[in-house]
Full PDB file with SEQRES, HELIX, SHEET, SSBOND, CRYST1, ORIGX, SCALE, CONECT and MASTER records, all heavy atoms in Angstrom:
SEQRES   1 A   42  ASP VAL VAL PRO ALA VAL TYR PRO TYR ALA ASP PRO GLU          
SEQRES   2 A   42  ALA LEU ARG GLY THR GLU THR VAL LEU LEU VAL GLU ASP          
SEQRES   3 A   42  ASN PRO SER LEU ARG THR LEU THR CYS GLU PHE LEU GLN          
SEQRES   4 A   42  LYS LEU GLY                                                  
HELIX    1 AA1 PRO A   12  LEU A   15  5                                   4    
HELIX    2 AA2 PRO A   28  LYS A   40  1                                  13    
CRYST1    1.000    1.000    1.000  90.00  90.00  90.00 P 1           1          
ORIGX1      1.000000  0.000000  0.000000        0.00000                         
ORIGX2      0.000000  1.000000  0.000000        0.00000                         
ORIGX3      0.000000  0.000000  1.000000        0.00000                         
SCALE1      1.000000  0.000000  0.000000        0.00000                         
SCALE2      0.000000  1.000000  0.000000        0.00000                         
SCALE3      0.000000  0.000000  1.000000        0.00000                         
ATOM      1  N   ASP A   1      25.263  -9.077  19.231  1.00  0.00           N  
ATOM      2  CA  ASP A   1      24.420 -10.062  18.523  1.00  0.00           C  
ATOM      3  C   ASP A   1      22.941 -10.046  18.958  1.00  0.00           C  
ATOM      4  O   ASP A   1      22.154 -10.752  18.471  1.00  0.00           O  
ATOM      5  CB  ASP A   1      24.905 -11.469  18.711  1.00  0.00           C  
ATOM      6  CG  ASP A   1      26.336 -11.696  18.016  1.00  0.00           C  
ATOM      7  OD1 ASP A   1      26.590 -10.947  17.043  1.00  0.00           O  
ATOM      8  OD2 ASP A   1      27.126 -12.511  18.487  1.00  0.00           O  
ATOM      9  N   VAL A   2      22.600  -9.244  19.982  1.00  0.00           N  
ATOM     10  CA  VAL A   2      21.262  -9.162  20.464  1.00  0.00           C  
ATOM     11  C   VAL A   2      20.339  -8.731  19.351  1.00  0.00           C  
ATOM     12  O   VAL A   2      20.571  -7.702  18.695  1.00  0.00           O  
ATOM     13  CB  VAL A   2      21.123  -8.302  21.693  1.00  0.00           C  
ATOM     14  CG1 VAL A   2      19.676  -8.125  22.099  1.00  0.00           C  
ATOM     15  CG2 VAL A   2      21.951  -8.787  22.845  1.00  0.00           C  
ATOM     16  N   VAL A   3      19.288  -9.516  19.101  1.00  0.00           N  
ATOM     17  CA  VAL A   3      18.229  -9.149  18.136  1.00  0.00           C  
ATOM     18  C   VAL A   3      16.945  -8.795  18.805  1.00  0.00           C  
ATOM     19  O   VAL A   3      16.384  -9.629  19.503  1.00  0.00           O  
ATOM     20  CB  VAL A   3      17.987 -10.377  17.162  1.00  0.00           C  
ATOM     21  CG1 VAL A   3      16.960  -9.987  16.148  1.00  0.00           C  
ATOM     22  CG2 VAL A   3      19.347 -10.769  16.449  1.00  0.00           C  
ATOM     23  N   PRO A   4      16.479  -7.582  18.702  1.00  0.00           N  
ATOM     24  CA  PRO A   4      15.266  -7.210  19.400  1.00  0.00           C  
ATOM     25  C   PRO A   4      14.051  -7.972  18.845  1.00  0.00           C  
ATOM     26  O   PRO A   4      14.027  -8.309  17.689  1.00  0.00           O  
ATOM     27  CB  PRO A   4      15.107  -5.685  19.114  1.00  0.00           C  
ATOM     28  CG  PRO A   4      15.907  -5.451  17.844  1.00  0.00           C  
ATOM     29  CD  PRO A   4      17.021  -6.463  17.869  1.00  0.00           C  
ATOM     30  N   ALA A   5      13.075  -8.250  19.706  1.00  0.00           N  
ATOM     31  CA  ALA A   5      11.915  -8.923  19.308  1.00  0.00           C  
ATOM     32  C   ALA A   5      11.041  -7.964  18.437  1.00  0.00           C  
ATOM     33  O   ALA A   5      10.967  -6.809  18.633  1.00  0.00           O  
ATOM     34  CB  ALA A   5      11.108  -9.354  20.525  1.00  0.00           C  
ATOM     35  N   VAL A   6      10.436  -8.569  17.398  1.00  0.00           N  
ATOM     36  CA  VAL A   6       9.632  -7.771  16.480  1.00  0.00           C  
ATOM     37  C   VAL A   6       8.214  -8.437  16.449  1.00  0.00           C  
ATOM     38  O   VAL A   6       8.030  -9.648  16.291  1.00  0.00           O  
ATOM     39  CB  VAL A   6      10.240  -7.837  15.055  1.00  0.00           C  
ATOM     40  CG1 VAL A   6       9.293  -7.033  14.103  1.00  0.00           C  
ATOM     41  CG2 VAL A   6      11.616  -7.209  15.055  1.00  0.00           C  
ATOM     42  N   TYR A   7       7.173  -7.589  16.584  1.00  0.00           N  
ATOM     43  CA  TYR A   7       5.764  -8.037  16.545  1.00  0.00           C  
ATOM     44  C   TYR A   7       5.057  -7.291  15.439  1.00  0.00           C  
ATOM     45  O   TYR A   7       4.517  -6.188  15.635  1.00  0.00           O  
ATOM     46  CB  TYR A   7       5.075  -7.764  17.893  1.00  0.00           C  
ATOM     47  CG  TYR A   7       5.826  -8.493  19.030  1.00  0.00           C  
ATOM     48  CD1 TYR A   7       6.696  -7.769  19.801  1.00  0.00           C  
ATOM     49  CD2 TYR A   7       5.607  -9.824  19.321  1.00  0.00           C  
ATOM     50  CE1 TYR A   7       7.385  -8.400  20.848  1.00  0.00           C  
ATOM     51  CE2 TYR A   7       6.236 -10.455  20.337  1.00  0.00           C  
ATOM     52  CZ  TYR A   7       7.138  -9.753  21.131  1.00  0.00           C  
ATOM     53  OH  TYR A   7       7.801 -10.407  22.151  1.00  0.00           O  
ATOM     54  N   PRO A   8       5.083  -7.823  14.177  1.00  0.00           N  
ATOM     55  CA  PRO A   8       4.539  -7.107  13.039  1.00  0.00           C  
ATOM     56  C   PRO A   8       3.033  -6.952  13.052  1.00  0.00           C  
ATOM     57  O   PRO A   8       2.489  -6.130  12.296  1.00  0.00           O  
ATOM     58  CB  PRO A   8       5.005  -7.984  11.855  1.00  0.00           C  
ATOM     59  CG  PRO A   8       5.137  -9.373  12.440  1.00  0.00           C  
ATOM     60  CD  PRO A   8       5.626  -9.140  13.840  1.00  0.00           C  
ATOM     61  N   TYR A   9       2.308  -7.720  13.877  1.00  0.00           N  
ATOM     62  CA  TYR A   9       0.881  -7.671  13.862  1.00  0.00           C  
ATOM     63  C   TYR A   9       0.330  -7.292  15.223  1.00  0.00           C  
ATOM     64  O   TYR A   9      -0.523  -8.010  15.724  1.00  0.00           O  
ATOM     65  CB  TYR A   9       0.323  -9.041  13.430  1.00  0.00           C  
ATOM     66  CG  TYR A   9       0.817  -9.482  12.097  1.00  0.00           C  
ATOM     67  CD1 TYR A   9       1.784 -10.449  11.986  1.00  0.00           C  
ATOM     68  CD2 TYR A   9       0.391  -8.896  10.884  1.00  0.00           C  
ATOM     69  CE1 TYR A   9       2.304 -10.866  10.706  1.00  0.00           C  
ATOM     70  CE2 TYR A   9       0.881  -9.300   9.623  1.00  0.00           C  
ATOM     71  CZ  TYR A   9       1.868 -10.303   9.571  1.00  0.00           C  
ATOM     72  OH  TYR A   9       2.295 -10.692   8.335  1.00  0.00           O  
ATOM     73  N   ALA A  10       0.820  -6.198  15.813  1.00  0.00           N  
ATOM     74  CA  ALA A  10       0.378  -5.767  17.094  1.00  0.00           C  
ATOM     75  C   ALA A  10      -1.105  -5.320  17.055  1.00  0.00           C  
ATOM     76  O   ALA A  10      -1.820  -5.494  18.059  1.00  0.00           O  
ATOM     77  CB  ALA A  10       1.280  -4.614  17.588  1.00  0.00           C  
ATOM     78  N   ASP A  11      -1.610  -4.816  15.907  1.00  0.00           N  
ATOM     79  CA  ASP A  11      -2.973  -4.404  15.801  1.00  0.00           C  
ATOM     80  C   ASP A  11      -3.807  -5.668  15.546  1.00  0.00           C  
ATOM     81  O   ASP A  11      -3.624  -6.431  14.610  1.00  0.00           O  
ATOM     82  CB  ASP A  11      -3.111  -3.476  14.582  1.00  0.00           C  
ATOM     83  CG  ASP A  11      -4.562  -2.994  14.374  1.00  0.00           C  
ATOM     84  OD1 ASP A  11      -5.395  -3.392  15.242  1.00  0.00           O  
ATOM     85  OD2 ASP A  11      -4.832  -2.273  13.401  1.00  0.00           O  
ATOM     86  N   PRO A  12      -4.799  -5.939  16.430  1.00  0.00           N  
ATOM     87  CA  PRO A  12      -5.622  -7.150  16.273  1.00  0.00           C  
ATOM     88  C   PRO A  12      -6.303  -7.264  14.921  1.00  0.00           C  
ATOM     89  O   PRO A  12      -6.464  -8.396  14.407  1.00  0.00           O  
ATOM     90  CB  PRO A  12      -6.698  -6.987  17.396  1.00  0.00           C  
ATOM     91  CG  PRO A  12      -6.011  -6.130  18.415  1.00  0.00           C  
ATOM     92  CD  PRO A  12      -5.157  -5.208  17.669  1.00  0.00           C  
ATOM     93  N   GLU A  13      -6.639  -6.131  14.292  1.00  0.00           N  
ATOM     94  CA  GLU A  13      -7.312  -6.177  12.990  1.00  0.00           C  
ATOM     95  C   GLU A  13      -6.390  -6.712  11.922  1.00  0.00           C  
ATOM     96  O   GLU A  13      -6.775  -7.231  10.904  1.00  0.00           O  
ATOM     97  CB  GLU A  13      -7.803  -4.744  12.599  1.00  0.00           C  
ATOM     98  CG  GLU A  13      -9.063  -4.370  13.351  1.00  0.00           C  
ATOM     99  CD  GLU A  13     -10.216  -5.314  13.077  1.00  0.00           C  
ATOM    100  OE1 GLU A  13     -10.488  -5.612  11.925  1.00  0.00           O  
ATOM    101  OE2 GLU A  13     -10.807  -5.779  14.088  1.00  0.00           O  
ATOM    102  N   ALA A  14      -5.093  -6.566  12.138  1.00  0.00           N  
ATOM    103  CA  ALA A  14      -4.058  -6.981  11.171  1.00  0.00           C  
ATOM    104  C   ALA A  14      -3.962  -8.532  11.188  1.00  0.00           C  
ATOM    105  O   ALA A  14      -3.375  -9.112  10.300  1.00  0.00           O  
ATOM    106  CB  ALA A  14      -2.684  -6.432  11.538  1.00  0.00           C  
ATOM    107  N   LEU A  15      -4.529  -9.187  12.174  1.00  0.00           N  
ATOM    108  CA  LEU A  15      -4.532 -10.654  12.264  1.00  0.00           C  
ATOM    109  C   LEU A  15      -5.666 -11.275  11.402  1.00  0.00           C  
ATOM    110  O   LEU A  15      -5.684 -12.495  11.248  1.00  0.00           O  
ATOM    111  CB  LEU A  15      -4.637 -11.106  13.709  1.00  0.00           C  
ATOM    112  CG  LEU A  15      -3.466 -10.775  14.594  1.00  0.00           C  
ATOM    113  CD1 LEU A  15      -3.735 -11.138  16.017  1.00  0.00           C  
ATOM    114  CD2 LEU A  15      -2.170 -11.333  14.092  1.00  0.00           C  
ATOM    115  N   ARG A  16      -6.598 -10.479  10.981  1.00  0.00           N  
ATOM    116  CA  ARG A  16      -7.693 -11.021  10.236  1.00  0.00           C  
ATOM    117  C   ARG A  16      -7.314 -11.316   8.788  1.00  0.00           C  
ATOM    118  O   ARG A  16      -6.334 -10.746   8.282  1.00  0.00           O  
ATOM    119  CB  ARG A  16      -8.895 -10.041  10.276  1.00  0.00           C  
ATOM    120  CG  ARG A  16      -9.370  -9.732  11.670  1.00  0.00           C  
ATOM    121  CD  ARG A  16     -10.610  -8.835  11.679  1.00  0.00           C  
ATOM    122  NE  ARG A  16     -11.700  -9.493  11.018  1.00  0.00           N  
ATOM    123  CZ  ARG A  16     -12.581 -10.398  11.570  1.00  0.00           C  
ATOM    124  NH1 ARG A  16     -12.364 -10.686  12.871  1.00  0.00           N  
ATOM    125  NH2 ARG A  16     -13.511 -10.906  10.908  1.00  0.00           N  
ATOM    126  N   GLY A  17      -8.092 -12.167   8.126  1.00  0.00           N  
ATOM    127  CA  GLY A  17      -7.785 -12.456   6.695  1.00  0.00           C  
ATOM    128  C   GLY A  17      -8.969 -13.023   6.011  1.00  0.00           C  
ATOM    129  O   GLY A  17      -9.932 -13.445   6.632  1.00  0.00           O  
ATOM    130  N   THR A  18      -8.909 -13.080   4.649  1.00  0.00           N  
ATOM    131  CA  THR A  18      -9.933 -13.603   3.908  1.00  0.00           C  
ATOM    132  C   THR A  18      -9.528 -14.819   3.028  1.00  0.00           C  
ATOM    133  O   THR A  18     -10.293 -15.350   2.190  1.00  0.00           O  
ATOM    134  CB  THR A  18     -10.525 -12.481   2.924  1.00  0.00           C  
ATOM    135  OG1 THR A  18      -9.458 -12.023   2.128  1.00  0.00           O  
ATOM    136  CG2 THR A  18     -11.114 -11.342   3.713  1.00  0.00           C  
ATOM    137  N   GLU A  19      -8.339 -15.222   3.274  1.00  0.00           N  
ATOM    138  CA  GLU A  19      -7.773 -16.355   2.457  1.00  0.00           C  
ATOM    139  C   GLU A  19      -8.424 -17.672   2.832  1.00  0.00           C  
ATOM    140  O   GLU A  19      -9.130 -17.772   3.788  1.00  0.00           O  
ATOM    141  CB  GLU A  19      -6.244 -16.472   2.662  1.00  0.00           C  
ATOM    142  CG  GLU A  19      -5.449 -15.299   2.115  1.00  0.00           C  
ATOM    143  CD  GLU A  19      -5.236 -14.209   3.129  1.00  0.00           C  
ATOM    144  OE1 GLU A  19      -5.988 -14.151   4.119  1.00  0.00           O  
ATOM    145  OE2 GLU A  19      -4.321 -13.319   2.934  1.00  0.00           O  
ATOM    146  N   THR A  20      -8.138 -18.675   1.960  1.00  0.00           N  
ATOM    147  CA  THR A  20      -8.667 -20.028   2.188  1.00  0.00           C  
ATOM    148  C   THR A  20      -7.540 -20.913   2.749  1.00  0.00           C  
ATOM    149  O   THR A  20      -6.404 -20.945   2.268  1.00  0.00           O  
ATOM    150  CB  THR A  20      -9.168 -20.593   0.882  1.00  0.00           C  
ATOM    151  OG1 THR A  20     -10.237 -19.854   0.374  1.00  0.00           O  
ATOM    152  CG2 THR A  20      -9.643 -22.079   1.110  1.00  0.00           C  
ATOM    153  N   VAL A  21      -7.886 -21.541   3.852  1.00  0.00           N  
ATOM    154  CA  VAL A  21      -6.902 -22.344   4.584  1.00  0.00           C  
ATOM    155  C   VAL A  21      -7.401 -23.786   4.642  1.00  0.00           C  
ATOM    156  O   VAL A  21      -8.582 -24.091   5.016  1.00  0.00           O  
ATOM    157  CB  VAL A  21      -6.710 -21.900   6.045  1.00  0.00           C  
ATOM    158  CG1 VAL A  21      -5.812 -22.815   6.854  1.00  0.00           C  
ATOM    159  CG2 VAL A  21      -6.199 -20.468   6.023  1.00  0.00           C  
ATOM    160  N   LEU A  22      -6.533 -24.730   4.236  1.00  0.00           N  
ATOM    161  CA  LEU A  22      -6.875 -26.195   4.386  1.00  0.00           C  
ATOM    162  C   LEU A  22      -6.291 -26.672   5.663  1.00  0.00           C  
ATOM    163  O   LEU A  22      -5.020 -26.637   5.858  1.00  0.00           O  
ATOM    164  CB  LEU A  22      -6.266 -26.959   3.153  1.00  0.00           C  
ATOM    165  CG  LEU A  22      -6.328 -28.476   3.334  1.00  0.00           C  
ATOM    166  CD1 LEU A  22      -7.816 -28.991   3.479  1.00  0.00           C  
ATOM    167  CD2 LEU A  22      -5.659 -29.184   2.101  1.00  0.00           C  
ATOM    168  N   LEU A  23      -7.149 -27.034   6.625  1.00  0.00           N  
ATOM    169  CA  LEU A  23      -6.766 -27.476   7.937  1.00  0.00           C  
ATOM    170  C   LEU A  23      -6.754 -28.943   8.051  1.00  0.00           C  
ATOM    171  O   LEU A  23      -7.841 -29.593   7.838  1.00  0.00           O  
ATOM    172  CB  LEU A  23      -7.689 -26.831   8.978  1.00  0.00           C  
ATOM    173  CG  LEU A  23      -7.538 -27.370  10.459  1.00  0.00           C  
ATOM    174  CD1 LEU A  23      -6.173 -26.986  11.021  1.00  0.00           C  
ATOM    175  CD2 LEU A  23      -8.676 -26.794  11.321  1.00  0.00           C  
ATOM    176  N   VAL A  24      -5.582 -29.577   8.314  1.00  0.00           N  
ATOM    177  CA  VAL A  24      -5.499 -31.008   8.440  1.00  0.00           C  
ATOM    178  C   VAL A  24      -5.015 -31.380   9.824  1.00  0.00           C  
ATOM    179  O   VAL A  24      -3.883 -31.073  10.196  1.00  0.00           O  
ATOM    180  CB  VAL A  24      -4.485 -31.622   7.428  1.00  0.00           C  
ATOM    181  CG1 VAL A  24      -4.614 -33.153   7.444  1.00  0.00           C  
ATOM    182  CG2 VAL A  24      -4.805 -31.071   6.017  1.00  0.00           C  
ATOM    183  N   GLU A  25      -5.891 -32.000  10.605  1.00  0.00           N  
ATOM    184  CA  GLU A  25      -5.636 -32.340  12.067  1.00  0.00           C  
ATOM    185  C   GLU A  25      -6.389 -33.623  12.380  1.00  0.00           C  
ATOM    186  O   GLU A  25      -7.571 -33.651  12.161  1.00  0.00           O  
ATOM    187  CB  GLU A  25      -6.070 -31.169  12.921  1.00  0.00           C  
ATOM    188  CG  GLU A  25      -6.099 -31.444  14.367  1.00  0.00           C  
ATOM    189  CD  GLU A  25      -4.756 -31.841  15.004  1.00  0.00           C  
ATOM    190  OE1 GLU A  25      -3.833 -31.014  14.918  1.00  0.00           O  
ATOM    191  OE2 GLU A  25      -4.666 -32.997  15.471  1.00  0.00           O  
ATOM    192  N   ASP A  26      -5.614 -34.587  12.898  1.00  0.00           N  
ATOM    193  CA  ASP A  26      -6.270 -35.907  13.186  1.00  0.00           C  
ATOM    194  C   ASP A  26      -7.060 -35.907  14.447  1.00  0.00           C  
ATOM    195  O   ASP A  26      -7.842 -36.843  14.745  1.00  0.00           O  
ATOM    196  CB  ASP A  26      -5.237 -37.018  13.100  1.00  0.00           C  
ATOM    197  CG  ASP A  26      -4.169 -36.829  14.140  1.00  0.00           C  
ATOM    198  OD1 ASP A  26      -3.704 -35.729  14.372  1.00  0.00           O  
ATOM    199  OD2 ASP A  26      -3.797 -37.875  14.792  1.00  0.00           O  
ATOM    200  N   ASN A  27      -6.831 -34.910  15.351  1.00  0.00           N  
ATOM    201  CA  ASN A  27      -7.613 -34.838  16.596  1.00  0.00           C  
ATOM    202  C   ASN A  27      -8.904 -34.070  16.254  1.00  0.00           C  
ATOM    203  O   ASN A  27      -8.839 -32.851  16.040  1.00  0.00           O  
ATOM    204  CB  ASN A  27      -6.824 -34.153  17.670  1.00  0.00           C  
ATOM    205  CG  ASN A  27      -7.532 -34.086  18.993  1.00  0.00           C  
ATOM    206  OD1 ASN A  27      -8.602 -33.525  19.120  1.00  0.00           O  
ATOM    207  ND2 ASN A  27      -6.907 -34.693  20.005  1.00  0.00           N  
ATOM    208  N   PRO A  28     -10.086 -34.720  16.320  1.00  0.00           N  
ATOM    209  CA  PRO A  28     -11.307 -34.068  15.833  1.00  0.00           C  
ATOM    210  C   PRO A  28     -11.715 -32.822  16.714  1.00  0.00           C  
ATOM    211  O   PRO A  28     -12.169 -31.855  16.174  1.00  0.00           O  
ATOM    212  CB  PRO A  28     -12.388 -35.129  15.938  1.00  0.00           C  
ATOM    213  CG  PRO A  28     -11.803 -36.220  16.797  1.00  0.00           C  
ATOM    214  CD  PRO A  28     -10.323 -36.176  16.664  1.00  0.00           C  
ATOM    215  N   SER A  29     -11.482 -32.931  18.057  1.00  0.00           N  
ATOM    216  CA  SER A  29     -11.878 -31.795  18.836  1.00  0.00           C  
ATOM    217  C   SER A  29     -11.002 -30.609  18.604  1.00  0.00           C  
ATOM    218  O   SER A  29     -11.441 -29.470  18.493  1.00  0.00           O  
ATOM    219  CB  SER A  29     -11.756 -32.223  20.338  1.00  0.00           C  
ATOM    220  OG  SER A  29     -12.643 -33.288  20.622  1.00  0.00           O  
ATOM    221  N   LEU A  30      -9.673 -30.803  18.497  1.00  0.00           N  
ATOM    222  CA  LEU A  30      -8.751 -29.724  18.165  1.00  0.00           C  
ATOM    223  C   LEU A  30      -9.003 -29.193  16.785  1.00  0.00           C  
ATOM    224  O   LEU A  30      -8.935 -27.931  16.562  1.00  0.00           O  
ATOM    225  CB  LEU A  30      -7.344 -30.197  18.294  1.00  0.00           C  
ATOM    226  CG  LEU A  30      -6.241 -29.162  18.037  1.00  0.00           C  
ATOM    227  CD1 LEU A  30      -6.466 -27.932  18.987  1.00  0.00           C  
ATOM    228  CD2 LEU A  30      -4.839 -29.801  18.321  1.00  0.00           C  
ATOM    229  N   ARG A  31      -9.342 -30.040  15.842  1.00  0.00           N  
ATOM    230  CA  ARG A  31      -9.671 -29.579  14.485  1.00  0.00           C  
ATOM    231  C   ARG A  31     -10.894 -28.639  14.499  1.00  0.00           C  
ATOM    232  O   ARG A  31     -10.872 -27.548  13.896  1.00  0.00           O  
ATOM    233  CB  ARG A  31      -9.925 -30.709  13.549  1.00  0.00           C  
ATOM    234  CG  ARG A  31     -10.099 -30.391  12.102  1.00  0.00           C  
ATOM    235  CD  ARG A  31     -10.107 -31.575  11.161  1.00  0.00           C  
ATOM    236  NE  ARG A  31     -11.285 -32.388  11.381  1.00  0.00           N  
ATOM    237  CZ  ARG A  31     -11.260 -33.588  11.922  1.00  0.00           C  
ATOM    238  NH1 ARG A  31     -10.128 -34.084  12.320  1.00  0.00           N  
ATOM    239  NH2 ARG A  31     -12.379 -34.282  12.070  1.00  0.00           N  
ATOM    240  N   THR A  32     -11.905 -28.987  15.244  1.00  0.00           N  
ATOM    241  CA  THR A  32     -13.129 -28.195  15.291  1.00  0.00           C  
ATOM    242  C   THR A  32     -12.807 -26.848  15.987  1.00  0.00           C  
ATOM    243  O   THR A  32     -13.251 -25.845  15.489  1.00  0.00           O  
ATOM    244  CB  THR A  32     -14.219 -28.913  16.115  1.00  0.00           C  
ATOM    245  OG1 THR A  32     -14.552 -30.143  15.460  1.00  0.00           O  
ATOM    246  CG2 THR A  32     -15.444 -28.085  16.260  1.00  0.00           C  
ATOM    247  N   LEU A  33     -12.078 -26.895  17.026  1.00  0.00           N  
ATOM    248  CA  LEU A  33     -11.684 -25.616  17.729  1.00  0.00           C  
ATOM    249  C   LEU A  33     -10.903 -24.726  16.865  1.00  0.00           C  
ATOM    250  O   LEU A  33     -11.220 -23.496  16.756  1.00  0.00           O  
ATOM    251  CB  LEU A  33     -10.947 -25.953  19.005  1.00  0.00           C  
ATOM    252  CG  LEU A  33     -10.301 -24.837  19.758  1.00  0.00           C  
ATOM    253  CD1 LEU A  33     -11.334 -23.812  20.219  1.00  0.00           C  
ATOM    254  CD2 LEU A  33      -9.463 -25.328  20.880  1.00  0.00           C  
ATOM    255  N   THR A  34      -9.873 -25.248  16.205  1.00  0.00           N  
ATOM    256  CA  THR A  34      -9.007 -24.398  15.317  1.00  0.00           C  
ATOM    257  C   THR A  34      -9.789 -23.829  14.159  1.00  0.00           C  
ATOM    258  O   THR A  34      -9.658 -22.666  13.766  1.00  0.00           O  
ATOM    259  CB  THR A  34      -7.882 -25.319  14.788  1.00  0.00           C  
ATOM    260  OG1 THR A  34      -7.158 -25.828  15.853  1.00  0.00           O  
ATOM    261  CG2 THR A  34      -6.914 -24.381  13.945  1.00  0.00           C  
ATOM    262  N   CYS A  35     -10.719 -24.668  13.574  1.00  0.00           N  
ATOM    263  CA  CYS A  35     -11.589 -24.175  12.514  1.00  0.00           C  
ATOM    264  C   CYS A  35     -12.461 -23.009  12.986  1.00  0.00           C  
ATOM    265  O   CYS A  35     -12.521 -22.006  12.289  1.00  0.00           O  
ATOM    266  CB  CYS A  35     -12.466 -25.337  12.033  1.00  0.00           C  
ATOM    267  SG  CYS A  35     -13.665 -24.905  10.754  1.00  0.00           S  
ATOM    268  N   GLU A  36     -13.062 -23.147  14.134  1.00  0.00           N  
ATOM    269  CA  GLU A  36     -13.906 -22.090  14.650  1.00  0.00           C  
ATOM    270  C   GLU A  36     -13.112 -20.799  14.905  1.00  0.00           C  
ATOM    271  O   GLU A  36     -13.573 -19.726  14.570  1.00  0.00           O  
ATOM    272  CB  GLU A  36     -14.578 -22.494  15.940  1.00  0.00           C  
ATOM    273  CG  GLU A  36     -15.529 -21.474  16.532  1.00  0.00           C  
ATOM    274  CD  GLU A  36     -16.191 -22.005  17.791  1.00  0.00           C  
ATOM    275  OE1 GLU A  36     -16.060 -23.163  18.071  1.00  0.00           O  
ATOM    276  OE2 GLU A  36     -16.926 -21.170  18.429  1.00  0.00           O  
ATOM    277  N   PHE A  37     -11.854 -20.870  15.464  1.00  0.00           N  
ATOM    278  CA  PHE A  37     -11.083 -19.731  15.720  1.00  0.00           C  
ATOM    279  C   PHE A  37     -10.694 -19.034  14.453  1.00  0.00           C  
ATOM    280  O   PHE A  37     -10.797 -17.807  14.396  1.00  0.00           O  
ATOM    281  CB  PHE A  37      -9.808 -20.192  16.481  1.00  0.00           C  
ATOM    282  CG  PHE A  37      -8.885 -19.059  16.800  1.00  0.00           C  
ATOM    283  CD1 PHE A  37      -9.135 -18.202  17.856  1.00  0.00           C  
ATOM    284  CD2 PHE A  37      -7.787 -18.859  16.047  1.00  0.00           C  
ATOM    285  CE1 PHE A  37      -8.271 -17.147  18.100  1.00  0.00           C  
ATOM    286  CE2 PHE A  37      -6.903 -17.757  16.280  1.00  0.00           C  
ATOM    287  CZ  PHE A  37      -7.121 -16.931  17.354  1.00  0.00           C  
ATOM    288  N   LEU A  38     -10.237 -19.739  13.437  1.00  0.00           N  
ATOM    289  CA  LEU A  38      -9.785 -19.112  12.164  1.00  0.00           C  
ATOM    290  C   LEU A  38     -11.035 -18.527  11.436  1.00  0.00           C  
ATOM    291  O   LEU A  38     -10.840 -17.473  10.746  1.00  0.00           O  
ATOM    292  CB  LEU A  38      -9.061 -20.143  11.328  1.00  0.00           C  
ATOM    293  CG  LEU A  38      -7.692 -20.561  11.911  1.00  0.00           C  
ATOM    294  CD1 LEU A  38      -7.072 -21.652  11.037  1.00  0.00           C  
ATOM    295  CD2 LEU A  38      -6.704 -19.375  11.995  1.00  0.00           C  
ATOM    296  N   GLN A  39     -12.139 -19.148  11.507  1.00  0.00           N  
ATOM    297  CA  GLN A  39     -13.351 -18.566  10.845  1.00  0.00           C  
ATOM    298  C   GLN A  39     -13.717 -17.280  11.505  1.00  0.00           C  
ATOM    299  O   GLN A  39     -14.165 -16.357  10.756  1.00  0.00           O  
ATOM    300  CB  GLN A  39     -14.510 -19.572  10.922  1.00  0.00           C  
ATOM    301  CG  GLN A  39     -14.396 -20.720   9.980  1.00  0.00           C  
ATOM    302  CD  GLN A  39     -15.420 -21.806  10.152  1.00  0.00           C  
ATOM    303  OE1 GLN A  39     -16.020 -21.968  11.224  1.00  0.00           O  
ATOM    304  NE2 GLN A  39     -15.748 -22.559   9.093  1.00  0.00           N  
ATOM    305  N   LYS A  40     -13.580 -17.122  12.859  1.00  0.00           N  
ATOM    306  CA  LYS A  40     -13.840 -15.911  13.478  1.00  0.00           C  
ATOM    307  C   LYS A  40     -12.957 -14.746  12.972  1.00  0.00           C  
ATOM    308  O   LYS A  40     -13.294 -13.569  13.030  1.00  0.00           O  
ATOM    309  CB  LYS A  40     -13.696 -16.021  14.986  1.00  0.00           C  
ATOM    310  CG  LYS A  40     -14.877 -16.706  15.715  1.00  0.00           C  
ATOM    311  CD  LYS A  40     -14.676 -16.781  17.158  1.00  0.00           C  
ATOM    312  CE  LYS A  40     -15.910 -17.270  17.860  1.00  0.00           C  
ATOM    313  NZ  LYS A  40     -16.961 -16.356  17.855  1.00  0.00           N  
ATOM    314  N   LEU A  41     -11.784 -15.154  12.507  1.00  0.00           N  
ATOM    315  CA  LEU A  41     -10.844 -14.114  11.972  1.00  0.00           C  
ATOM    316  C   LEU A  41     -11.116 -13.827  10.475  1.00  0.00           C  
ATOM    317  O   LEU A  41     -10.447 -12.989   9.894  1.00  0.00           O  
ATOM    318  CB  LEU A  41      -9.399 -14.633  12.085  1.00  0.00           C  
ATOM    319  CG  LEU A  41      -8.865 -14.766  13.532  1.00  0.00           C  
ATOM    320  CD1 LEU A  41      -7.464 -15.277  13.526  1.00  0.00           C  
ATOM    321  CD2 LEU A  41      -8.822 -13.365  14.217  1.00  0.00           C  
ATOM    322  N   GLY A  42     -12.083 -14.520   9.883  1.00  0.00           N  
ATOM    323  CA  GLY A  42     -12.471 -14.210   8.510  1.00  0.00           C  
ATOM    324  C   GLY A  42     -11.990 -15.161   7.450  1.00  0.00           C  
ATOM    325  O   GLY A  42     -12.334 -15.045   6.248  1.00  0.00           O  
TER     326      GLY A  42                                                      
MASTER        0    0    0    2    0    0    0    6  325    1    0    4          
END                                                                             
């Protein structure tokens, strides 16, 4: 029953995207941080 681990996005470039994300987070500091991180990914 052992299931090997799968990492479909091993290439860092594969983690980037151009989609639109609606981020809803009630902690303002964490919301700002998450927003900045995802914007860096495109």
